[in-house]
Amino acid sequence: EAEELLRECLKARKNTLGEAHPSTLDSVHNLANVVQERGRDEEAEGLHCQCLNARKTALGDTHPSTLASMSSLALTVKKQGRYGEAEELLRECLKARKNTLGEAHPSTLDSVHNLANVVQERGRDEEAEGLHCQCLNARKTALGDTHPSTLASMSSLALTVKKQGRYGEAEELLR
């Protein structure tokens, strides 16, 4: 039902506002997310690409909405096991978010977290650990010790050190 409603909304926004209007592009982005949640990754990837390219044209390369599309596309290709492409997109997104939003902005920290996960998938555990530590410390400062994003970083760091055989450290992080 959500997908059907989003498709109707998208059609109406295209007709009323035009293909490149930010609200129309928001509908494309939301539809891509729903399609992906329904397991249609290739279709979602196409929608994310369409949205990213349109947002770059309409809003610029560093607009927060453009960067949200880039991040979503990165996570979509990561889900398909294309870690190299995902890493490249996430690094570009992270750099732009740092420059545009600042190092401690929640969206910037989301990019650090997602990059750490991709780096770990690529077998670079020490680099992933460094990124997870950086993200955890920044989230503690910006969001507090008990914020869900902080706790997600703590859990990811624990899994990273556990994977390296450091079970005591992992257990401490999870307490």
N, C-alpha and C. Protein backbone atom coordinates (compact mmCIF):
# COMPACT_ATOMS: atom_id res chain seq x y z
N GLU A 1 0.82 -1.20 0.00
CA GLU A 1 0.00 0.00 0.00
C GLU A 1 0.87 1.26 0.00
N ALA A 2 1.95 1.26 0.78
CA ALA A 2 2.83 2.43 0.84
C ALA A 2 3.43 2.71 -0.53
N GLU A 3 3.85 1.65 -1.21
CA GLU A 3 4.44 1.84 -2.53
C GLU A 3 3.43 2.44 -3.50
N GLU A 4 2.21 1.94 -3.48
CA GLU A 4 1.16 2.45 -4.36
C GLU A 4 0.90 3.93 -4.09
N LEU A 5 0.82 4.30 -2.82
CA LEU A 5 0.59 5.70 -2.46
C LEU A 5 1.76 6.59 -2.90
N LEU A 6 2.98 6.10 -2.72
CA LEU A 6 4.14 6.87 -3.15
C LEU A 6 4.17 7.05 -4.66
N ARG A 7 3.79 6.03 -5.39
CA ARG A 7 3.75 6.14 -6.86
C ARG A 7 2.70 7.17 -7.29
N GLU A 8 1.54 7.17 -6.63
CA GLU A 8 0.51 8.17 -6.94
C GLU A 8 1.01 9.58 -6.61
N CYS A 9 1.63 9.72 -5.47
CA CYS A 9 2.18 11.02 -5.05
C CYS A 9 3.24 11.49 -6.04
N LEU A 10 4.12 10.58 -6.43
CA LEU A 10 5.18 10.93 -7.38
C LEU A 10 4.58 11.40 -8.70
N LYS A 11 3.59 10.67 -9.20
CA LYS A 11 2.94 11.05 -10.46
C LYS A 11 2.31 12.44 -10.34
N ALA A 12 1.62 12.68 -9.25
CA ALA A 12 0.98 13.99 -9.05
C ALA A 12 2.01 15.11 -8.94
N ARG A 13 3.09 14.85 -8.23
CA ARG A 13 4.12 15.88 -8.08
C ARG A 13 4.82 16.16 -9.41
N LYS A 14 5.07 15.12 -10.21
CA LYS A 14 5.67 15.33 -11.53
C LYS A 14 4.77 16.20 -12.39
N ASN A 15 3.47 15.90 -12.37
CA ASN A 15 2.52 16.65 -13.19
C ASN A 15 2.35 18.08 -12.71
N THR A 16 2.35 18.27 -11.40
CA THR A 16 2.09 19.58 -10.83
C THR A 16 3.35 20.44 -10.71
N LEU A 17 4.41 19.83 -10.22
CA LEU A 17 5.62 20.60 -9.89
C LEU A 17 6.75 20.44 -10.90
N GLY A 18 6.73 19.34 -11.65
CA GLY A 18 7.81 19.06 -12.60
C GLY A 18 8.76 18.01 -12.05
N GLU A 19 9.53 17.44 -12.97
CA GLU A 19 10.44 16.33 -12.64
C GLU A 19 11.55 16.72 -11.68
N ALA A 20 12.03 17.97 -11.76
CA ALA A 20 13.22 18.36 -11.00
C ALA A 20 12.90 19.12 -9.71
N HIS A 21 11.64 19.26 -9.38
CA HIS A 21 11.28 19.98 -8.16
C HIS A 21 11.74 19.18 -6.94
N PRO A 22 12.27 19.85 -5.92
CA PRO A 22 12.75 19.12 -4.72
C PRO A 22 11.70 18.19 -4.10
N SER A 23 10.45 18.59 -4.10
CA SER A 23 9.40 17.72 -3.53
C SER A 23 9.20 16.47 -4.39
N THR A 24 9.29 16.63 -5.70
CA THR A 24 9.19 15.48 -6.60
C THR A 24 10.35 14.53 -6.33
N LEU A 25 11.55 15.08 -6.17
CA LEU A 25 12.73 14.26 -5.92
C LEU A 25 12.66 13.59 -4.55
N ASP A 26 12.04 14.25 -3.59
CA ASP A 26 11.81 13.60 -2.29
C ASP A 26 10.94 12.35 -2.47
N SER A 27 9.94 12.45 -3.34
CA SER A 27 9.07 11.30 -3.60
C SER A 27 9.84 10.17 -4.27
N VAL A 28 10.73 10.50 -5.21
CA VAL A 28 11.55 9.47 -5.85
C VAL A 28 12.41 8.77 -4.80
N HIS A 29 13.04 9.58 -3.94
CA HIS A 29 13.91 9.04 -2.88
C HIS A 29 13.12 8.10 -1.96
N ASN A 30 11.94 8.55 -1.53
CA ASN A 30 11.12 7.74 -0.63
C ASN A 30 10.66 6.45 -1.31
N LEU A 31 10.29 6.55 -2.58
CA LEU A 31 9.88 5.37 -3.32
C LEU A 31 11.04 4.38 -3.43
N ALA A 32 12.23 4.88 -3.71
CA ALA A 32 13.41 4.01 -3.80
C ALA A 32 13.61 3.25 -2.49
N ASN A 33 13.46 3.94 -1.37
CA ASN A 33 13.64 3.29 -0.07
C ASN A 33 12.59 2.20 0.16
N VAL A 34 11.36 2.45 -0.21
CA VAL A 34 10.30 1.45 -0.03
C VAL A 34 10.54 0.26 -0.96
N VAL A 35 10.91 0.53 -2.19
CA VAL A 35 11.19 -0.55 -3.14
C VAL A 35 12.33 -1.42 -2.62
N GLN A 36 13.35 -0.79 -2.05
CA GLN A 36 14.46 -1.56 -1.51
C GLN A 36 14.02 -2.40 -0.32
N GLU A 37 13.22 -1.82 0.55
CA GLU A 37 12.71 -2.57 1.70
C GLU A 37 11.90 -3.79 1.26
N ARG A 38 11.35 -3.72 0.07
CA ARG A 38 10.56 -4.84 -0.46
C ARG A 38 11.43 -5.83 -1.22
N GLY A 39 12.76 -5.61 -1.20
CA GLY A 39 13.70 -6.57 -1.76
C GLY A 39 14.00 -6.41 -3.23
N ARG A 40 13.59 -5.32 -3.82
CA ARG A 40 13.85 -5.10 -5.25
C ARG A 40 15.02 -4.12 -5.39
N ASP A 41 16.21 -4.66 -5.10
CA ASP A 41 17.41 -3.83 -5.01
C ASP A 41 17.81 -3.17 -6.33
N GLU A 42 17.68 -3.89 -7.43
CA GLU A 42 18.08 -3.30 -8.71
C GLU A 42 17.17 -2.14 -9.09
N GLU A 43 15.87 -2.29 -8.86
CA GLU A 43 14.93 -1.20 -9.13
C GLU A 43 15.23 -0.02 -8.20
N ALA A 44 15.50 -0.32 -6.94
CA ALA A 44 15.84 0.73 -5.97
C ALA A 44 17.10 1.47 -6.40
N GLU A 45 18.08 0.72 -6.86
CA GLU A 45 19.32 1.35 -7.32
C GLU A 45 19.05 2.32 -8.47
N GLY A 46 18.22 1.90 -9.42
CA GLY A 46 17.88 2.78 -10.53
C GLY A 46 17.20 4.06 -10.07
N LEU A 47 16.27 3.93 -9.13
CA LEU A 47 15.59 5.10 -8.59
C LEU A 47 16.55 6.00 -7.82
N HIS A 48 17.44 5.39 -7.02
CA HIS A 48 18.43 6.19 -6.29
C HIS A 48 19.36 6.93 -7.24
N CYS A 49 19.79 6.27 -8.32
CA CYS A 49 20.65 6.93 -9.32
C CYS A 49 19.92 8.10 -9.97
N GLN A 50 18.68 7.84 -10.36
CA GLN A 50 17.87 8.89 -10.97
C GLN A 50 17.74 10.09 -10.03
N CYS A 51 17.45 9.82 -8.78
CA CYS A 51 17.27 10.88 -7.79
C CYS A 51 18.58 11.62 -7.54
N LEU A 52 19.67 10.88 -7.39
CA LEU A 52 20.97 11.50 -7.15
C LEU A 52 21.34 12.43 -8.30
N ASN A 53 21.22 11.95 -9.52
CA ASN A 53 21.59 12.78 -10.67
C ASN A 53 20.71 14.02 -10.77
N ALA A 54 19.42 13.86 -10.54
CA ALA A 54 18.51 15.00 -10.60
C ALA A 54 18.79 16.00 -9.48
N ARG A 55 19.08 15.50 -8.29
CA ARG A 55 19.38 16.40 -7.18
C ARG A 55 20.70 17.14 -7.40
N LYS A 56 21.69 16.47 -7.98
CA LYS A 56 22.94 17.15 -8.30
C LYS A 56 22.68 18.32 -9.25
N THR A 57 21.85 18.08 -10.25
CA THR A 57 21.53 19.12 -11.23
C THR A 57 20.72 20.25 -10.59
N ALA A 58 19.69 19.88 -9.84
CA ALA A 58 18.76 20.88 -9.29
C ALA A 58 19.29 21.59 -8.05
N LEU A 59 20.02 20.86 -7.20
CA LEU A 59 20.39 21.40 -5.90
C LEU A 59 21.89 21.60 -5.71
N GLY A 60 22.69 20.91 -6.52
CA GLY A 60 24.14 20.98 -6.37
C GLY A 60 24.71 19.74 -5.71
N ASP A 61 26.00 19.57 -5.89
CA ASP A 61 26.69 18.36 -5.42
C ASP A 61 26.73 18.21 -3.90
N THR A 62 26.68 19.31 -3.16
CA THR A 62 26.87 19.24 -1.71
C THR A 62 25.62 19.57 -0.91
N HIS A 63 24.48 19.68 -1.56
CA HIS A 63 23.23 19.93 -0.83
C HIS A 63 22.93 18.70 0.04
N PRO A 64 22.44 18.90 1.26
CA PRO A 64 22.14 17.76 2.13
C PRO A 64 21.23 16.70 1.49
N SER A 65 20.27 17.10 0.68
CA SER A 65 19.40 16.12 0.01
C SER A 65 20.17 15.32 -1.03
N THR A 66 21.08 15.98 -1.74
CA THR A 66 21.92 15.27 -2.71
C THR A 66 22.78 14.24 -1.98
N LEU A 67 23.34 14.64 -0.86
CA LEU A 67 24.21 13.74 -0.10
C LEU A 67 23.40 12.59 0.52
N ALA A 68 22.15 12.84 0.87
CA ALA A 68 21.29 11.76 1.37
C ALA A 68 21.06 10.73 0.26
N SER A 69 20.88 11.21 -0.97
CA SER A 69 20.71 10.29 -2.10
C SER A 69 21.97 9.48 -2.35
N MET A 70 23.12 10.14 -2.23
CA MET A 70 24.40 9.45 -2.44
C MET A 70 24.59 8.36 -1.39
N SER A 71 24.26 8.69 -0.16
CA SER A 71 24.38 7.71 0.92
C SER A 71 23.44 6.53 0.70
N SER A 72 22.21 6.82 0.32
CA SER A 72 21.24 5.75 0.07
C SER A 72 21.69 4.85 -1.08
N LEU A 73 22.22 5.46 -2.13
CA LEU A 73 22.73 4.67 -3.25
C LEU A 73 23.89 3.78 -2.78
N ALA A 74 24.77 4.34 -1.96
CA ALA A 74 25.91 3.57 -1.45
C ALA A 74 25.42 2.35 -0.66
N LEU A 75 24.43 2.55 0.18
CA LEU A 75 23.91 1.44 0.98
C LEU A 75 23.20 0.40 0.11
N THR A 76 22.61 0.86 -0.98
CA THR A 76 21.95 -0.06 -1.91
C THR A 76 22.98 -0.94 -2.62
N VAL A 77 24.06 -0.35 -3.08
CA VAL A 77 25.08 -1.16 -3.77
C VAL A 77 25.82 -2.04 -2.76
N LYS A 78 25.98 -1.56 -1.53
CA LYS A 78 26.60 -2.39 -0.48
C LYS A 78 25.75 -3.63 -0.25
N LYS A 79 24.45 -3.45 -0.18
CA LYS A 79 23.53 -4.57 0.05
C LYS A 79 23.67 -5.63 -1.04
N GLN A 80 24.07 -5.21 -2.23
CA GLN A 80 24.26 -6.12 -3.35
C GLN A 80 25.67 -6.71 -3.39
N GLY A 81 26.48 -6.40 -2.36
CA GLY A 81 27.83 -6.96 -2.27
C GLY A 81 28.87 -6.21 -3.08
N ARG A 82 28.54 -5.05 -3.57
CA ARG A 82 29.48 -4.24 -4.36
C ARG A 82 30.16 -3.23 -3.44
N TYR A 83 31.05 -3.76 -2.60
CA TYR A 83 31.65 -2.98 -1.53
C TYR A 83 32.59 -1.90 -2.03
N GLY A 84 33.29 -2.14 -3.12
CA GLY A 84 34.18 -1.13 -3.67
C GLY A 84 33.43 0.11 -4.10
N GLU A 85 32.34 -0.08 -4.82
CA GLU A 85 31.50 1.05 -5.25
C GLU A 85 30.90 1.75 -4.04
N ALA A 86 30.44 0.98 -3.08
CA ALA A 86 29.85 1.56 -1.88
C ALA A 86 30.88 2.41 -1.14
N GLU A 87 32.09 1.88 -1.01
CA GLU A 87 33.13 2.64 -0.30
C GLU A 87 33.44 3.95 -1.01
N GLU A 88 33.54 3.90 -2.32
CA GLU A 88 33.83 5.12 -3.09
C GLU A 88 32.74 6.17 -2.88
N LEU A 89 31.49 5.77 -2.97
CA LEU A 89 30.38 6.70 -2.76
C LEU A 89 30.36 7.24 -1.33
N LEU A 90 30.60 6.35 -0.36
CA LEU A 90 30.57 6.79 1.03
C LEU A 90 31.72 7.75 1.35
N ARG A 91 32.89 7.51 0.78
CA ARG A 91 34.00 8.43 1.01
C ARG A 91 33.70 9.81 0.41
N GLU A 92 33.12 9.82 -0.77
CA GLU A 92 32.74 11.09 -1.39
C GLU A 92 31.68 11.81 -0.55
N CYS A 93 30.70 11.06 -0.09
CA CYS A 93 29.64 11.61 0.73
C CYS A 93 30.19 12.14 2.06
N LEU A 94 31.07 11.37 2.68
CA LEU A 94 31.65 11.78 3.95
C LEU A 94 32.44 13.08 3.80
N LYS A 95 33.24 13.16 2.78
CA LYS A 95 34.04 14.37 2.55
C LYS A 95 33.12 15.59 2.37
N ALA A 96 32.09 15.43 1.57
CA ALA A 96 31.16 16.54 1.33
C ALA A 96 30.39 16.91 2.60
N ARG A 97 29.98 15.92 3.36
CA ARG A 97 29.23 16.21 4.59
C ARG A 97 30.12 16.91 5.61
N LYS A 98 31.38 16.49 5.72
CA LYS A 98 32.29 17.18 6.64
C LYS A 98 32.43 18.64 6.25
N ASN A 99 32.60 18.89 4.96
CA ASN A 99 32.78 20.26 4.48
C ASN A 99 31.51 21.09 4.59
N THR A 100 30.38 20.47 4.36
CA THR A 100 29.11 21.20 4.34
C THR A 100 28.45 21.29 5.71
N LEU A 101 28.42 20.19 6.42
CA LEU A 101 27.67 20.11 7.68
C LEU A 101 28.55 20.17 8.92
N GLY A 102 29.82 19.82 8.77
CA GLY A 102 30.72 19.78 9.91
C GLY A 102 30.97 18.36 10.37
N GLU A 103 32.06 18.20 11.12
CA GLU A 103 32.51 16.87 11.56
C GLU A 103 31.55 16.19 12.53
N ALA A 104 30.82 16.97 13.34
CA ALA A 104 30.01 16.39 14.40
C ALA A 104 28.53 16.30 14.05
N HIS A 105 28.16 16.67 12.85
CA HIS A 105 26.74 16.60 12.46
C HIS A 105 26.31 15.13 12.40
N PRO A 106 25.10 14.83 12.86
CA PRO A 106 24.63 13.43 12.84
C PRO A 106 24.71 12.77 11.46
N SER A 107 24.44 13.50 10.40
CA SER A 107 24.53 12.90 9.06
C SER A 107 25.97 12.58 8.70
N THR A 108 26.91 13.42 9.11
CA THR A 108 28.33 13.15 8.88
C THR A 108 28.73 11.90 9.64
N LEU A 109 28.29 11.79 10.87
CA LEU A 109 28.63 10.62 11.69
C LEU A 109 27.98 9.35 11.14
N ASP A 110 26.79 9.47 10.55
CA ASP A 110 26.19 8.32 9.87
C ASP A 110 27.09 7.85 8.73
N SER A 111 27.68 8.81 8.01
CA SER A 111 28.59 8.45 6.92
C SER A 111 29.83 7.74 7.43
N VAL A 112 30.38 8.20 8.55
CA VAL A 112 31.54 7.53 9.15
C VAL A 112 31.17 6.11 9.53
N HIS A 113 30.03 5.96 10.18
CA HIS A 113 29.55 4.63 10.61
C HIS A 113 29.38 3.69 9.42
N ASN A 114 28.71 4.18 8.38
CA ASN A 114 28.47 3.34 7.20
C ASN A 114 29.78 3.00 6.49
N LEU A 115 30.70 3.95 6.43
CA LEU A 115 32.00 3.68 5.81
C LEU A 115 32.75 2.62 6.60
N ALA A 116 32.72 2.72 7.93
CA ALA A 116 33.40 1.73 8.77
C ALA A 116 32.86 0.34 8.49
N ASN A 117 31.54 0.22 8.34
CA ASN A 117 30.94 -1.09 8.07
C ASN A 117 31.39 -1.64 6.71
N VAL A 118 31.48 -0.78 5.71
CA VAL A 118 31.92 -1.23 4.39
C VAL A 118 33.39 -1.62 4.41
N VAL A 119 34.21 -0.82 5.08
CA VAL A 119 35.64 -1.12 5.19
C VAL A 119 35.83 -2.47 5.87
N GLN A 120 35.03 -2.74 6.89
CA GLN A 120 35.12 -4.03 7.57
C GLN A 120 34.70 -5.16 6.64
N GLU A 121 33.65 -4.97 5.87
CA GLU A 121 33.22 -5.99 4.90
C GLU A 121 34.33 -6.30 3.90
N ARG A 122 35.19 -5.32 3.66
CA ARG A 122 36.29 -5.50 2.72
C ARG A 122 37.53 -6.10 3.39
N GLY A 123 37.41 -6.45 4.69
CA GLY A 123 38.48 -7.14 5.38
C GLY A 123 39.53 -6.26 6.01
N ARG A 124 39.27 -4.97 6.09
CA ARG A 124 40.24 -4.04 6.69
C ARG A 124 39.78 -3.68 8.11
N ASP A 125 39.94 -4.68 8.99
CA ASP A 125 39.40 -4.57 10.34
C ASP A 125 40.03 -3.45 11.15
N GLU A 126 41.33 -3.25 11.04
CA GLU A 126 41.98 -2.20 11.83
C GLU A 126 41.49 -0.82 11.40
N GLU A 127 41.36 -0.60 10.11
CA GLU A 127 40.83 0.68 9.62
C GLU A 127 39.39 0.86 10.08
N ALA A 128 38.61 -0.21 10.00
CA ALA A 128 37.22 -0.16 10.45
C ALA A 128 37.15 0.18 11.94
N GLU A 129 38.03 -0.42 12.71
CA GLU A 129 38.05 -0.13 14.15
C GLU A 129 38.32 1.34 14.41
N GLY A 130 39.27 1.91 13.69
CA GLY A 130 39.58 3.33 13.85
C GLY A 130 38.39 4.21 13.51
N LEU A 131 37.70 3.88 12.44
CA LEU A 131 36.52 4.65 12.06
C LEU A 131 35.40 4.48 13.08
N HIS A 132 35.20 3.25 13.56
CA HIS A 132 34.16 3.03 14.58
C HIS A 132 34.49 3.80 15.87
N CYS A 133 35.76 3.81 16.27
CA CYS A 133 36.16 4.57 17.47
C CYS A 133 35.89 6.06 17.28
N GLN A 134 36.30 6.56 16.13
CA GLN A 134 36.09 7.98 15.81
C GLN A 134 34.59 8.31 15.88
N CYS A 135 33.78 7.47 15.27
CA CYS A 135 32.34 7.70 15.24
C CYS A 135 31.74 7.60 16.65
N LEU A 136 32.14 6.59 17.39
CA LEU A 136 31.62 6.42 18.75
C LEU A 136 31.94 7.63 19.62
N ASN A 137 33.18 8.07 19.61
CA ASN A 137 33.57 9.21 20.44
C ASN A 137 32.83 10.48 20.04
N ALA A 138 32.69 10.69 18.74
CA ALA A 138 31.98 11.88 18.27
C ALA A 138 30.50 11.82 18.62
N ARG A 139 29.91 10.64 18.49
CA ARG A 139 28.49 10.49 18.83
C ARG A 139 28.25 10.66 20.33
N LYS A 140 29.17 10.16 21.14
CA LYS A 140 29.03 10.37 22.59
C LYS A 140 29.01 11.86 22.91
N THR A 141 29.93 12.59 22.28
CA THR A 141 30.03 14.03 22.52
C THR A 141 28.80 14.77 21.99
N ALA A 142 28.40 14.45 20.77
CA ALA A 142 27.32 15.19 20.13
C ALA A 142 25.93 14.76 20.58
N LEU A 143 25.75 13.46 20.86
CA LEU A 143 24.41 12.93 21.10
C LEU A 143 24.20 12.37 22.50
N GLY A 144 25.29 12.09 23.20
CA GLY A 144 25.18 11.50 24.53
C GLY A 144 25.41 10.01 24.51
N ASP A 145 25.67 9.45 25.68
CA ASP A 145 26.03 8.04 25.82
C ASP A 145 24.90 7.07 25.51
N THR A 146 23.65 7.50 25.67
CA THR A 146 22.54 6.56 25.54
C THR A 146 21.71 6.76 24.28
N HIS A 147 22.14 7.64 23.41
CA HIS A 147 21.41 7.84 22.16
C HIS A 147 21.50 6.57 21.30
N PRO A 148 20.42 6.21 20.62
CA PRO A 148 20.45 4.99 19.79
C PRO A 148 21.61 4.94 18.79
N SER A 149 21.97 6.05 18.20
CA SER A 149 23.10 6.06 17.26
C SER A 149 24.42 5.79 17.96
N THR A 150 24.56 6.33 19.16
CA THR A 150 25.77 6.08 19.96
C THR A 150 25.86 4.59 20.30
N LEU A 151 24.73 4.03 20.70
CA LEU A 151 24.70 2.61 21.05
C LEU A 151 24.98 1.73 19.83
N ALA A 152 24.51 2.15 18.66
CA ALA A 152 24.80 1.40 17.43
C ALA A 152 26.30 1.41 17.14
N SER A 153 26.93 2.56 17.37
CA SER A 153 28.39 2.65 17.16
C SER A 153 29.13 1.77 18.15
N MET A 154 28.67 1.75 19.38
CA MET A 154 29.30 0.92 20.41
C MET A 154 29.20 -0.55 20.04
N SER A 155 28.03 -0.96 19.57
CA SER A 155 27.82 -2.35 19.16
C SER A 155 28.70 -2.70 17.96
N SER A 156 28.79 -1.81 16.99
CA SER A 156 29.61 -2.07 15.81
C SER A 156 31.09 -2.18 16.18
N LEU A 157 31.53 -1.32 17.07
CA LEU A 157 32.92 -1.39 17.52
C LEU A 157 33.17 -2.70 18.26
N ALA A 158 32.22 -3.10 19.09
CA ALA A 158 32.36 -4.36 19.82
C ALA A 158 32.48 -5.54 18.85
N LEU A 159 31.67 -5.56 17.82
CA LEU A 159 31.73 -6.63 16.84
C LEU A 159 33.06 -6.62 16.09
N THR A 160 33.58 -5.43 15.84
CA THR A 160 34.87 -5.32 15.14
C THR A 160 36.01 -5.86 15.99
N VAL A 161 36.04 -5.51 17.27
CA VAL A 161 37.13 -6.01 18.11
C VAL A 161 36.95 -7.50 18.41
N LYS A 162 35.71 -7.97 18.50
CA LYS A 162 35.45 -9.40 18.67
C LYS A 162 35.97 -10.17 17.47
N LYS A 163 35.74 -9.64 16.29
CA LYS A 163 36.20 -10.31 15.07
C LYS A 163 37.73 -10.46 15.06
N GLN A 164 38.41 -9.58 15.77
CA GLN A 164 39.86 -9.63 15.86
C GLN A 164 40.33 -10.50 17.04
N GLY A 165 39.39 -11.17 17.71
CA GLY A 165 39.74 -12.07 18.80
C GLY A 165 39.90 -11.39 20.14
N ARG A 166 39.50 -10.15 20.26
CA ARG A 166 39.63 -9.39 21.51
C ARG A 166 38.28 -9.42 22.24
N TYR A 167 37.99 -10.60 22.77
CA TYR A 167 36.67 -10.85 23.34
C TYR A 167 36.41 -10.04 24.61
N GLY A 168 37.41 -9.84 25.42
CA GLY A 168 37.24 -9.07 26.65
C GLY A 168 36.86 -7.63 26.36
N GLU A 169 37.53 -7.02 25.39
CA GLU A 169 37.19 -5.65 24.99
C GLU A 169 35.77 -5.57 24.44
N ALA A 170 35.42 -6.55 23.64
CA ALA A 170 34.07 -6.57 23.07
C ALA A 170 33.03 -6.67 24.16
N GLU A 171 33.30 -7.53 25.13
CA GLU A 171 32.34 -7.70 26.24
C GLU A 171 32.19 -6.41 27.04
N GLU A 172 33.30 -5.72 27.28
CA GLU A 172 33.25 -4.44 28.02
C GLU A 172 32.42 -3.41 27.29
N LEU A 173 32.57 -3.34 25.98
CA LEU A 173 31.82 -2.37 25.19
C LEU A 173 30.33 -2.66 25.23
N LEU A 174 29.97 -3.91 25.32
CA LEU A 174 28.56 -4.28 25.29
C LEU A 174 27.89 -4.25 26.66
N ARG A 175 28.65 -3.98 27.71
CA ARG A 175 28.04 -3.91 29.06
C ARG A 175 27.41 -2.58 29.31
